[in-house]
N, C-alpha and C. Protein backbone atom coordinates (compact mmCIF):
# COMPACT_ATOMS: atom_id res chain seq x y z
N MET A 1 13.50 0.03 -12.68
CA MET A 1 14.76 0.66 -12.31
C MET A 1 15.87 0.14 -13.19
N THR A 2 16.74 1.04 -13.64
CA THR A 2 17.89 0.63 -14.44
C THR A 2 19.14 1.22 -13.86
N ASP A 3 20.26 0.50 -14.03
CA ASP A 3 21.56 0.97 -13.56
C ASP A 3 22.42 1.26 -14.77
N THR A 4 23.10 2.41 -14.74
CA THR A 4 24.01 2.78 -15.81
C THR A 4 25.39 3.01 -15.22
N GLY A 5 26.39 2.36 -15.80
CA GLY A 5 27.75 2.56 -15.30
C GLY A 5 27.98 1.98 -13.93
N PHE A 6 27.26 0.93 -13.55
CA PHE A 6 27.37 0.35 -12.21
C PHE A 6 28.19 -0.93 -12.26
N PHE A 7 29.05 -1.09 -11.29
CA PHE A 7 29.81 -2.34 -11.19
C PHE A 7 29.97 -2.71 -9.73
N CYS A 8 29.62 -3.93 -9.40
CA CYS A 8 29.85 -4.45 -8.04
C CYS A 8 29.92 -5.96 -8.10
N ASP A 9 31.05 -6.51 -7.79
CA ASP A 9 31.24 -7.96 -7.81
C ASP A 9 30.88 -8.51 -6.44
N LEU A 10 29.61 -8.92 -6.29
CA LEU A 10 29.12 -9.36 -4.98
C LEU A 10 29.79 -10.65 -4.53
N SER A 11 30.22 -11.46 -5.45
CA SER A 11 30.82 -12.74 -5.07
C SER A 11 32.12 -12.55 -4.31
N ARG A 12 32.73 -11.37 -4.44
CA ARG A 12 34.01 -11.12 -3.79
C ARG A 12 33.89 -10.07 -2.68
N MET A 13 32.63 -9.76 -2.28
CA MET A 13 32.44 -8.73 -1.28
C MET A 13 33.06 -9.13 0.05
N ASN A 14 33.75 -8.18 0.65
CA ASN A 14 34.43 -8.39 1.92
C ASN A 14 34.12 -7.21 2.82
N PRO A 15 33.58 -7.44 4.04
CA PRO A 15 33.23 -6.32 4.91
C PRO A 15 34.42 -5.45 5.27
N ASP A 16 35.63 -6.00 5.19
CA ASP A 16 36.81 -5.20 5.47
C ASP A 16 37.34 -4.50 4.22
N ASN A 17 36.75 -4.80 3.08
CA ASN A 17 37.14 -4.19 1.81
C ASN A 17 35.87 -3.98 1.00
N PRO A 18 35.08 -2.94 1.34
CA PRO A 18 33.77 -2.73 0.72
C PRO A 18 33.86 -2.61 -0.80
N PRO A 19 32.74 -2.89 -1.48
CA PRO A 19 32.74 -2.82 -2.94
C PRO A 19 32.93 -1.39 -3.43
N HIS A 20 33.52 -1.27 -4.58
CA HIS A 20 33.65 0.05 -5.22
C HIS A 20 32.47 0.26 -6.15
N ILE A 21 31.71 1.30 -5.90
CA ILE A 21 30.54 1.63 -6.71
C ILE A 21 30.87 2.84 -7.57
N ARG A 22 30.82 2.68 -8.86
CA ARG A 22 31.14 3.79 -9.74
C ARG A 22 30.20 4.96 -9.52
N HIS A 23 30.77 6.16 -9.55
CA HIS A 23 29.99 7.36 -9.29
C HIS A 23 29.09 7.74 -10.46
N SER A 24 29.15 7.00 -11.53
CA SER A 24 28.32 7.29 -12.70
C SER A 24 27.00 6.53 -12.69
N ILE A 25 26.72 5.81 -11.61
CA ILE A 25 25.47 5.06 -11.52
C ILE A 25 24.27 5.98 -11.65
N VAL A 26 23.22 5.49 -12.33
CA VAL A 26 21.96 6.22 -12.44
C VAL A 26 20.83 5.23 -12.15
N LEU A 27 19.93 5.60 -11.26
CA LEU A 27 18.76 4.78 -10.94
C LEU A 27 17.53 5.48 -11.49
N THR A 28 16.74 4.78 -12.27
CA THR A 28 15.57 5.41 -12.88
C THR A 28 14.31 4.63 -12.61
N SER A 29 13.21 5.35 -12.56
CA SER A 29 11.89 4.74 -12.47
C SER A 29 10.97 5.51 -13.41
N LYS A 30 9.69 5.29 -13.30
CA LYS A 30 8.74 5.87 -14.24
C LYS A 30 8.77 7.39 -14.24
N ARG A 31 8.88 8.00 -13.05
CA ARG A 31 8.76 9.46 -12.98
C ARG A 31 9.99 10.18 -12.45
N VAL A 32 10.93 9.45 -11.84
CA VAL A 32 12.09 10.09 -11.24
C VAL A 32 13.38 9.40 -11.64
N THR A 33 14.46 10.16 -11.57
CA THR A 33 15.81 9.64 -11.79
C THR A 33 16.67 10.03 -10.62
N LEU A 34 17.46 9.10 -10.12
CA LEU A 34 18.38 9.36 -9.00
C LEU A 34 19.80 9.33 -9.52
N ILE A 35 20.54 10.41 -9.26
CA ILE A 35 21.93 10.49 -9.68
C ILE A 35 22.80 10.80 -8.47
N PRO A 36 24.05 10.34 -8.45
CA PRO A 36 24.94 10.66 -7.32
C PRO A 36 25.13 12.17 -7.20
N SER A 37 25.14 12.66 -5.98
CA SER A 37 25.39 14.09 -5.77
C SER A 37 26.85 14.39 -6.10
N SER A 38 27.09 15.61 -6.58
CA SER A 38 28.45 16.02 -6.90
C SER A 38 28.56 17.53 -6.74
N PRO A 39 29.78 18.06 -6.63
CA PRO A 39 29.96 19.52 -6.51
C PRO A 39 29.35 20.30 -7.66
N ASP A 40 29.16 19.65 -8.81
CA ASP A 40 28.56 20.33 -9.96
C ASP A 40 27.12 20.75 -9.69
N HIS A 41 26.50 20.12 -8.69
CA HIS A 41 25.11 20.41 -8.37
C HIS A 41 24.96 21.41 -7.23
N ALA A 42 26.04 22.06 -6.85
CA ALA A 42 26.04 22.90 -5.65
C ALA A 42 24.96 23.99 -5.68
N ASP A 43 24.84 24.69 -6.78
CA ASP A 43 23.89 25.81 -6.84
C ASP A 43 22.45 25.34 -6.71
N VAL A 44 22.06 24.32 -7.46
CA VAL A 44 20.67 23.86 -7.40
C VAL A 44 20.39 23.18 -6.07
N PHE A 45 21.38 22.48 -5.52
CA PHE A 45 21.18 21.85 -4.22
C PHE A 45 21.05 22.89 -3.12
N PHE A 46 21.86 23.94 -3.19
CA PHE A 46 21.76 25.04 -2.23
C PHE A 46 20.37 25.65 -2.27
N ASN A 47 19.83 25.88 -3.47
CA ASN A 47 18.51 26.48 -3.60
C ASN A 47 17.42 25.55 -3.07
N LEU A 48 17.59 24.24 -3.29
CA LEU A 48 16.61 23.27 -2.77
C LEU A 48 16.57 23.33 -1.25
N ILE A 49 17.73 23.34 -0.62
CA ILE A 49 17.78 23.37 0.83
C ILE A 49 17.27 24.70 1.37
N LYS A 50 17.66 25.78 0.71
CA LYS A 50 17.23 27.11 1.15
C LYS A 50 15.71 27.23 1.15
N SER A 51 15.06 26.71 0.12
CA SER A 51 13.60 26.82 0.02
C SER A 51 12.88 25.88 0.98
N ASN A 52 13.60 24.91 1.55
CA ASN A 52 12.98 23.97 2.49
C ASN A 52 13.61 24.03 3.88
N LYS A 53 14.39 25.07 4.12
CA LYS A 53 15.20 25.13 5.33
C LYS A 53 14.38 24.98 6.61
N ASN A 54 13.29 25.70 6.72
CA ASN A 54 12.52 25.67 7.97
C ASN A 54 12.01 24.28 8.31
N ARG A 55 11.65 23.51 7.31
CA ARG A 55 11.10 22.17 7.57
C ARG A 55 12.19 21.12 7.74
N LEU A 56 13.43 21.50 7.44
CA LEU A 56 14.54 20.56 7.59
C LEU A 56 15.35 20.78 8.86
N LEU A 57 15.09 21.88 9.57
CA LEU A 57 15.91 22.25 10.72
C LEU A 57 15.99 21.16 11.78
N ASP A 58 14.88 20.53 12.08
CA ASP A 58 14.87 19.54 13.16
C ASP A 58 15.56 18.24 12.74
N SER A 59 15.27 17.77 11.54
CA SER A 59 15.74 16.43 11.14
C SER A 59 17.10 16.43 10.46
N PHE A 60 17.52 17.58 9.91
CA PHE A 60 18.79 17.62 9.16
C PHE A 60 19.68 18.77 9.63
N PRO A 61 20.01 18.82 10.91
CA PRO A 61 20.80 19.95 11.42
C PRO A 61 22.21 20.03 10.83
N ILE A 62 22.85 18.89 10.62
CA ILE A 62 24.21 18.91 10.07
C ILE A 62 24.17 19.39 8.62
N LEU A 63 23.22 18.88 7.85
CA LEU A 63 23.08 19.31 6.46
C LEU A 63 22.86 20.82 6.37
N ILE A 64 21.98 21.33 7.22
CA ILE A 64 21.70 22.78 7.22
C ILE A 64 22.94 23.57 7.57
N SER A 65 23.68 23.11 8.56
CA SER A 65 24.86 23.86 9.01
C SER A 65 25.97 23.87 7.96
N LYS A 66 26.01 22.87 7.11
CA LYS A 66 27.09 22.76 6.12
C LYS A 66 26.72 23.30 4.74
N THR A 67 25.51 23.84 4.61
CA THR A 67 25.07 24.35 3.30
C THR A 67 24.51 25.77 3.43
N GLN A 68 25.15 26.57 4.24
CA GLN A 68 24.67 27.93 4.48
C GLN A 68 24.87 28.86 3.29
N THR A 69 25.86 28.57 2.46
CA THR A 69 26.16 29.38 1.28
C THR A 69 26.44 28.44 0.11
N PRO A 70 26.41 28.96 -1.12
CA PRO A 70 26.75 28.11 -2.26
C PRO A 70 28.15 27.51 -2.14
N ALA A 71 29.11 28.30 -1.63
CA ALA A 71 30.48 27.80 -1.48
C ALA A 71 30.54 26.67 -0.45
N MET A 72 29.83 26.84 0.67
CA MET A 72 29.79 25.79 1.68
C MET A 72 29.10 24.54 1.14
N THR A 73 28.07 24.75 0.34
CA THR A 73 27.35 23.63 -0.25
C THR A 73 28.26 22.84 -1.18
N GLN A 74 29.07 23.54 -1.95
CA GLN A 74 30.01 22.86 -2.83
C GLN A 74 31.02 22.04 -2.02
N GLY A 75 31.49 22.60 -0.91
CA GLY A 75 32.40 21.87 -0.04
C GLY A 75 31.74 20.64 0.55
N PHE A 76 30.48 20.77 0.93
CA PHE A 76 29.74 19.63 1.48
C PHE A 76 29.61 18.53 0.44
N LEU A 77 29.30 18.89 -0.80
CA LEU A 77 29.14 17.89 -1.85
C LEU A 77 30.48 17.26 -2.24
N LYS A 78 31.56 18.01 -2.09
CA LYS A 78 32.88 17.42 -2.30
C LYS A 78 33.16 16.34 -1.26
N SER A 79 32.75 16.60 -0.03
CA SER A 79 32.94 15.60 1.03
C SER A 79 32.08 14.37 0.76
N ARG A 80 30.88 14.57 0.23
CA ARG A 80 30.03 13.45 -0.11
C ARG A 80 30.64 12.61 -1.24
N LEU A 81 31.32 13.28 -2.17
CA LEU A 81 32.00 12.56 -3.24
C LEU A 81 33.11 11.69 -2.67
N PHE A 82 33.88 12.22 -1.74
CA PHE A 82 34.94 11.46 -1.09
C PHE A 82 34.37 10.27 -0.34
N GLU A 83 33.25 10.50 0.38
CA GLU A 83 32.63 9.42 1.14
C GLU A 83 32.08 8.33 0.22
N TRP A 84 31.61 8.74 -0.95
CA TRP A 84 31.16 7.76 -1.94
C TRP A 84 32.34 6.88 -2.36
N GLU A 85 33.46 7.52 -2.67
CA GLU A 85 34.64 6.78 -3.11
C GLU A 85 35.16 5.85 -2.02
N GLU A 86 34.88 6.20 -0.75
CA GLU A 86 35.28 5.35 0.37
C GLU A 86 34.23 4.29 0.70
N SER A 87 33.12 4.30 -0.03
CA SER A 87 32.00 3.37 0.21
C SER A 87 31.44 3.49 1.62
N SER A 88 31.44 4.73 2.15
CA SER A 88 30.90 4.94 3.50
C SER A 88 29.53 5.61 3.47
N ILE A 89 29.28 6.45 2.48
CA ILE A 89 27.98 7.10 2.30
C ILE A 89 27.69 7.20 0.80
N PHE A 90 26.48 6.85 0.43
CA PHE A 90 26.04 7.01 -0.96
C PHE A 90 24.91 8.03 -0.99
N SER A 91 25.16 9.18 -1.60
CA SER A 91 24.18 10.27 -1.62
C SER A 91 23.65 10.47 -3.04
N PHE A 92 22.35 10.56 -3.14
CA PHE A 92 21.69 10.72 -4.43
C PHE A 92 20.80 11.96 -4.46
N LEU A 93 20.74 12.59 -5.61
CA LEU A 93 19.79 13.67 -5.87
C LEU A 93 18.64 13.11 -6.68
N VAL A 94 17.43 13.57 -6.37
CA VAL A 94 16.24 13.10 -7.06
C VAL A 94 15.78 14.16 -8.05
N LYS A 95 15.65 13.75 -9.30
CA LYS A 95 15.20 14.66 -10.35
C LYS A 95 13.95 14.10 -11.03
N LEU A 96 13.08 15.02 -11.45
CA LEU A 96 11.91 14.60 -12.20
C LEU A 96 12.31 14.24 -13.63
N ASN A 97 11.71 13.19 -14.15
CA ASN A 97 11.98 12.84 -15.54
C ASN A 97 11.35 13.83 -16.51
N SER A 98 10.26 14.46 -16.07
CA SER A 98 9.51 15.33 -16.97
C SER A 98 10.25 16.62 -17.31
N ASP A 99 10.88 17.25 -16.30
CA ASP A 99 11.55 18.53 -16.56
C ASP A 99 12.97 18.59 -15.99
N HIS A 100 13.45 17.49 -15.38
CA HIS A 100 14.81 17.38 -14.83
C HIS A 100 15.07 18.30 -13.64
N ASN A 101 14.00 18.82 -13.04
CA ASN A 101 14.16 19.66 -11.85
C ASN A 101 14.56 18.80 -10.65
N LEU A 102 15.41 19.37 -9.80
CA LEU A 102 15.83 18.69 -8.58
C LEU A 102 14.75 18.85 -7.52
N ILE A 103 14.29 17.70 -6.98
CA ILE A 103 13.19 17.77 -6.02
C ILE A 103 13.48 17.05 -4.70
N GLY A 104 14.62 16.37 -4.58
CA GLY A 104 14.85 15.65 -3.33
C GLY A 104 16.26 15.14 -3.18
N TYR A 105 16.48 14.50 -2.04
CA TYR A 105 17.81 14.03 -1.64
C TYR A 105 17.66 12.77 -0.81
N ILE A 106 18.46 11.74 -1.12
CA ILE A 106 18.42 10.47 -0.39
C ILE A 106 19.85 10.00 -0.14
N THR A 107 20.11 9.50 1.06
CA THR A 107 21.43 8.94 1.37
C THR A 107 21.30 7.57 2.00
N VAL A 108 22.26 6.72 1.66
CA VAL A 108 22.47 5.45 2.36
C VAL A 108 23.75 5.64 3.16
N LYS A 109 23.65 5.58 4.49
CA LYS A 109 24.79 5.93 5.33
C LYS A 109 24.88 4.99 6.53
N SER A 110 25.87 5.28 7.39
CA SER A 110 26.09 4.44 8.58
C SER A 110 26.11 2.97 8.20
N ILE A 111 26.82 2.67 7.13
CA ILE A 111 26.83 1.31 6.58
C ILE A 111 27.75 0.40 7.39
N ASN A 112 27.20 -0.71 7.82
CA ASN A 112 27.99 -1.77 8.45
C ASN A 112 28.06 -2.91 7.46
N TRP A 113 29.18 -3.00 6.73
CA TRP A 113 29.29 -4.01 5.69
C TRP A 113 29.31 -5.42 6.27
N LYS A 114 29.75 -5.56 7.50
CA LYS A 114 29.82 -6.89 8.11
C LYS A 114 28.43 -7.43 8.42
N SER A 115 27.56 -6.57 8.96
CA SER A 115 26.21 -7.01 9.31
C SER A 115 25.23 -6.82 8.16
N GLY A 116 25.60 -6.01 7.18
CA GLY A 116 24.70 -5.74 6.06
C GLY A 116 23.58 -4.79 6.40
N LEU A 117 23.84 -3.88 7.36
CA LEU A 117 22.82 -2.93 7.83
C LEU A 117 23.26 -1.51 7.50
N ALA A 118 22.30 -0.66 7.10
CA ALA A 118 22.60 0.74 6.80
C ALA A 118 21.38 1.60 7.08
N GLU A 119 21.64 2.89 7.29
CA GLU A 119 20.56 3.85 7.53
C GLU A 119 20.19 4.57 6.25
N LEU A 120 18.91 4.85 6.12
CA LEU A 120 18.38 5.59 4.98
C LEU A 120 17.83 6.92 5.47
N ALA A 121 18.23 8.03 4.80
CA ALA A 121 17.71 9.35 5.14
C ALA A 121 17.23 10.01 3.85
N TYR A 122 16.18 10.82 3.95
CA TYR A 122 15.60 11.39 2.74
C TYR A 122 14.78 12.64 3.04
N PHE A 123 14.64 13.49 2.04
CA PHE A 123 13.66 14.57 2.08
C PHE A 123 13.27 14.94 0.66
N ILE A 124 12.11 15.56 0.54
CA ILE A 124 11.62 15.99 -0.76
C ILE A 124 11.14 17.44 -0.65
N ASP A 125 11.25 18.16 -1.72
CA ASP A 125 10.79 19.55 -1.77
C ASP A 125 9.32 19.64 -1.39
N SER A 126 8.97 20.67 -0.64
CA SER A 126 7.60 20.81 -0.14
C SER A 126 6.57 20.91 -1.27
N ASN A 127 6.98 21.45 -2.41
CA ASN A 127 6.05 21.59 -3.54
C ASN A 127 5.76 20.26 -4.24
N HIS A 128 6.50 19.22 -3.86
CA HIS A 128 6.31 17.92 -4.51
C HIS A 128 5.92 16.83 -3.53
N GLU A 129 5.54 17.22 -2.32
CA GLU A 129 5.06 16.26 -1.33
C GLU A 129 3.69 15.72 -1.74
N GLY A 130 3.41 14.51 -1.27
CA GLY A 130 2.08 13.94 -1.45
C GLY A 130 1.77 13.47 -2.86
N LYS A 131 2.79 13.37 -3.71
CA LYS A 131 2.57 12.96 -5.10
C LYS A 131 3.22 11.61 -5.41
N GLY A 132 3.82 11.00 -4.39
CA GLY A 132 4.41 9.68 -4.57
C GLY A 132 5.82 9.67 -5.11
N TYR A 133 6.42 10.85 -5.30
CA TYR A 133 7.77 10.89 -5.86
C TYR A 133 8.81 10.31 -4.90
N ILE A 134 8.68 10.64 -3.63
CA ILE A 134 9.68 10.16 -2.67
C ILE A 134 9.52 8.66 -2.44
N LYS A 135 8.29 8.17 -2.45
CA LYS A 135 8.07 6.71 -2.34
C LYS A 135 8.73 5.99 -3.51
N GLU A 136 8.56 6.54 -4.70
CA GLU A 136 9.14 5.95 -5.90
C GLU A 136 10.67 5.96 -5.81
N SER A 137 11.21 7.07 -5.28
CA SER A 137 12.66 7.20 -5.15
C SER A 137 13.22 6.21 -4.14
N ILE A 138 12.56 6.09 -3.00
CA ILE A 138 13.01 5.16 -1.96
C ILE A 138 12.91 3.73 -2.46
N ASN A 139 11.88 3.44 -3.25
CA ASN A 139 11.76 2.12 -3.85
C ASN A 139 13.01 1.78 -4.66
N CYS A 140 13.49 2.76 -5.44
CA CYS A 140 14.71 2.55 -6.23
C CYS A 140 15.90 2.26 -5.32
N ILE A 141 16.04 3.05 -4.26
CA ILE A 141 17.19 2.91 -3.38
C ILE A 141 17.16 1.58 -2.63
N ILE A 142 15.99 1.20 -2.14
CA ILE A 142 15.89 -0.06 -1.40
C ILE A 142 16.22 -1.24 -2.32
N THR A 143 15.66 -1.23 -3.52
CA THR A 143 15.93 -2.31 -4.47
C THR A 143 17.42 -2.39 -4.78
N TRP A 144 18.04 -1.25 -5.02
CA TRP A 144 19.47 -1.20 -5.30
C TRP A 144 20.28 -1.68 -4.10
N SER A 145 19.89 -1.24 -2.91
CA SER A 145 20.63 -1.61 -1.70
C SER A 145 20.56 -3.11 -1.43
N PHE A 146 19.38 -3.69 -1.59
CA PHE A 146 19.21 -5.12 -1.35
C PHE A 146 19.85 -5.96 -2.45
N ASN A 147 19.59 -5.59 -3.69
CA ASN A 147 19.99 -6.45 -4.80
C ASN A 147 21.43 -6.23 -5.26
N ASP A 148 21.91 -4.99 -5.20
CA ASP A 148 23.23 -4.69 -5.75
C ASP A 148 24.29 -4.47 -4.68
N LEU A 149 23.93 -3.79 -3.59
CA LEU A 149 24.89 -3.67 -2.48
C LEU A 149 24.86 -4.92 -1.61
N ASN A 150 23.81 -5.73 -1.79
CA ASN A 150 23.65 -6.96 -1.01
C ASN A 150 23.48 -6.70 0.48
N LEU A 151 22.89 -5.55 0.83
CA LEU A 151 22.58 -5.28 2.23
C LEU A 151 21.43 -6.16 2.68
N LYS A 152 21.43 -6.48 3.96
CA LYS A 152 20.39 -7.34 4.51
C LYS A 152 19.18 -6.53 4.98
N SER A 153 19.43 -5.31 5.45
CA SER A 153 18.32 -4.49 5.92
C SER A 153 18.73 -3.02 5.96
N LEU A 154 17.73 -2.16 5.93
CA LEU A 154 17.90 -0.72 6.08
C LEU A 154 17.01 -0.26 7.24
N TYR A 155 17.33 0.89 7.79
CA TYR A 155 16.45 1.46 8.80
C TYR A 155 16.38 2.97 8.60
N VAL A 156 15.30 3.54 9.07
CA VAL A 156 15.16 4.99 9.08
C VAL A 156 14.90 5.43 10.51
N ARG A 157 15.41 6.60 10.86
CA ARG A 157 15.19 7.18 12.18
C ARG A 157 14.33 8.41 12.00
N ILE A 158 13.21 8.45 12.71
CA ILE A 158 12.23 9.52 12.51
C ILE A 158 11.86 10.13 13.86
N ILE A 159 11.87 11.45 13.91
CA ILE A 159 11.43 12.15 15.12
C ILE A 159 9.93 11.93 15.30
N PRO A 160 9.49 11.47 16.46
CA PRO A 160 8.05 11.28 16.69
C PRO A 160 7.29 12.55 16.37
N GLY A 161 6.21 12.40 15.65
CA GLY A 161 5.44 13.57 15.24
C GLY A 161 5.68 13.98 13.80
N ASN A 162 6.76 13.45 13.20
CA ASN A 162 7.02 13.73 11.79
C ASN A 162 6.18 12.75 10.95
N GLU A 163 4.91 13.05 10.87
CA GLU A 163 3.96 12.12 10.25
C GLU A 163 4.24 11.90 8.76
N PRO A 164 4.58 12.93 7.97
CA PRO A 164 4.85 12.67 6.55
C PRO A 164 5.98 11.67 6.33
N SER A 165 7.07 11.82 7.08
CA SER A 165 8.19 10.91 6.93
C SER A 165 7.81 9.50 7.38
N LYS A 166 7.04 9.44 8.44
CA LYS A 166 6.57 8.14 8.95
C LYS A 166 5.74 7.42 7.89
N GLN A 167 4.83 8.14 7.26
CA GLN A 167 3.96 7.52 6.27
C GLN A 167 4.74 7.06 5.04
N VAL A 168 5.74 7.83 4.65
CA VAL A 168 6.60 7.42 3.53
C VAL A 168 7.29 6.10 3.86
N ALA A 169 7.82 6.01 5.09
CA ALA A 169 8.51 4.79 5.51
C ALA A 169 7.56 3.59 5.50
N ILE A 170 6.38 3.77 6.05
CA ILE A 170 5.41 2.68 6.13
C ILE A 170 4.99 2.22 4.73
N ARG A 171 4.79 3.18 3.82
CA ARG A 171 4.37 2.82 2.47
C ARG A 171 5.47 2.09 1.70
N ASN A 172 6.70 2.16 2.19
CA ASN A 172 7.80 1.45 1.56
C ASN A 172 8.18 0.17 2.31
N GLY A 173 7.29 -0.30 3.18
CA GLY A 173 7.52 -1.59 3.83
C GLY A 173 8.28 -1.53 5.14
N PHE A 174 8.49 -0.31 5.69
CA PHE A 174 9.16 -0.19 6.98
C PHE A 174 8.13 -0.33 8.10
N LYS A 175 8.59 -0.92 9.21
CA LYS A 175 7.73 -1.08 10.38
C LYS A 175 8.45 -0.56 11.62
N TRP A 176 7.68 0.04 12.52
CA TRP A 176 8.26 0.54 13.76
C TRP A 176 8.81 -0.61 14.58
N LYS A 177 10.03 -0.42 15.09
CA LYS A 177 10.66 -1.46 15.91
C LYS A 177 10.94 -1.00 17.33
N THR A 178 11.47 0.22 17.48
CA THR A 178 11.88 0.66 18.82
C THR A 178 12.02 2.17 18.84
N ARG A 179 12.10 2.72 20.07
CA ARG A 179 12.33 4.16 20.25
C ARG A 179 13.56 4.35 21.11
N HIS A 180 14.44 5.27 20.71
CA HIS A 180 15.61 5.64 21.48
C HIS A 180 15.39 7.04 22.05
N ASP A 181 15.39 7.13 23.37
CA ASP A 181 15.09 8.39 24.03
C ASP A 181 16.29 9.34 24.00
N PHE A 182 16.01 10.60 23.73
CA PHE A 182 17.00 11.69 23.79
C PHE A 182 18.29 11.33 23.03
N GLU A 183 18.11 10.86 21.82
CA GLU A 183 19.25 10.40 21.03
C GLU A 183 19.76 11.44 20.04
N PHE A 184 18.91 12.38 19.66
CA PHE A 184 19.23 13.25 18.53
C PHE A 184 19.08 14.71 18.93
N ARG A 185 20.05 15.53 18.51
CA ARG A 185 20.00 16.95 18.83
C ARG A 185 19.62 17.75 17.58
N THR A 186 18.58 18.54 17.68
CA THR A 186 18.10 19.33 16.55
C THR A 186 18.95 20.58 16.37
N SER A 187 18.60 21.38 15.37
CA SER A 187 19.35 22.62 15.11
C SER A 187 19.26 23.61 16.26
N THR A 188 18.19 23.51 17.06
CA THR A 188 18.02 24.42 18.19
C THR A 188 18.74 23.92 19.45
N GLY A 189 19.33 22.73 19.37
CA GLY A 189 20.02 22.17 20.52
C GLY A 189 19.17 21.26 21.38
N GLU A 190 17.90 21.10 21.00
CA GLU A 190 17.00 20.25 21.78
C GLU A 190 17.31 18.78 21.53
N LEU A 191 17.36 18.00 22.61
CA LEU A 191 17.52 16.54 22.49
C LEU A 191 16.14 15.91 22.34
N VAL A 192 15.98 15.11 21.29
CA VAL A 192 14.66 14.52 21.03
C VAL A 192 14.79 13.01 20.87
N ASN A 193 13.65 12.34 21.01
CA ASN A 193 13.60 10.90 20.80
C ASN A 193 13.62 10.58 19.31
N LEU A 194 13.99 9.36 18.98
CA LEU A 194 13.94 8.89 17.61
C LEU A 194 13.26 7.53 17.55
N ASP A 195 12.33 7.40 16.62
CA ASP A 195 11.71 6.11 16.35
C ASP A 195 12.47 5.42 15.22
N TYR A 196 12.73 4.13 15.40
CA TYR A 196 13.45 3.34 14.40
C TYR A 196 12.46 2.46 13.63
N TYR A 197 12.54 2.54 12.32
CA TYR A 197 11.70 1.72 11.45
C TYR A 197 12.60 0.83 10.59
N PHE A 198 12.27 -0.45 10.54
CA PHE A 198 13.05 -1.41 9.76
C PHE A 198 12.14 -2.15 8.79
N PRO A 199 12.65 -2.45 7.60
CA PRO A 199 11.97 -3.42 6.74
C PRO A 199 12.81 -4.69 6.70
N ASP A 200 12.27 -5.74 6.17
CA ASP A 200 13.10 -6.84 5.72
C ASP A 200 12.68 -7.11 4.28
N ARG A 201 13.31 -8.06 3.65
CA ARG A 201 12.99 -8.29 2.24
C ARG A 201 11.52 -8.66 2.05
N LYS A 202 10.96 -9.41 2.98
CA LYS A 202 9.56 -9.81 2.88
C LYS A 202 8.66 -8.58 2.97
N ASP A 203 8.95 -7.68 3.94
CA ASP A 203 8.16 -6.46 4.09
C ASP A 203 8.22 -5.63 2.81
N PHE A 204 9.43 -5.48 2.28
CA PHE A 204 9.64 -4.65 1.09
C PHE A 204 8.91 -5.26 -0.11
N ASP A 205 9.04 -6.56 -0.32
CA ASP A 205 8.39 -7.20 -1.44
C ASP A 205 6.87 -7.05 -1.36
N SER A 206 6.33 -7.14 -0.15
CA SER A 206 4.87 -7.01 0.03
C SER A 206 4.41 -5.60 -0.29
N SER A 207 5.24 -4.59 0.02
CA SER A 207 4.84 -3.19 -0.23
C SER A 207 4.82 -2.87 -1.70
N GLN A 208 5.46 -3.69 -2.55
CA GLN A 208 5.52 -3.42 -3.98
C GLN A 208 4.35 -4.03 -4.74
N LYS A 209 3.56 -4.87 -4.07
CA LYS A 209 2.46 -5.56 -4.76
C LYS A 209 1.25 -4.65 -4.89
């Protein structure tokens, strides 16, 4: 993984004054590159969501509701840019190194700078599932979050029964910790349970061997 245009002075980090992360950061690995989302990507991001809409309805209801049209998608990505500048949400698009096609989306959100805890959310295009791309992408994000943002831990929330997402989490060193009943409302209005998976640095380091 390499960082381009990244600056964060960890020695001066203050939970009441989060670090400023330049929006030009690029995270790369062998097969994928992660770049910050921006309004310039509205059309391709809209098409990615549109082609995966049915499988995203349960887990990403807010994302679906805010990207119904290209114009709405551009507005959504503008808000993500503002949230990046506020150090409240960091959203990345996943592109293949081979052809630069957009294949996924990852966010670091719900950041508590005081405790060093944040939530990770992700999805990958259905045509690229099962090939290790999302695992590789999450590996980049976790490494960046631990080493550069200096977060202590990340967690993912997964609807029980979402086996692909569960397996991705486990392969990246996450372990099931607890279940919160009726915590999340899907696009249909149904309240569902959420399983919480956490890694720590030891778990993550072991998953990379």
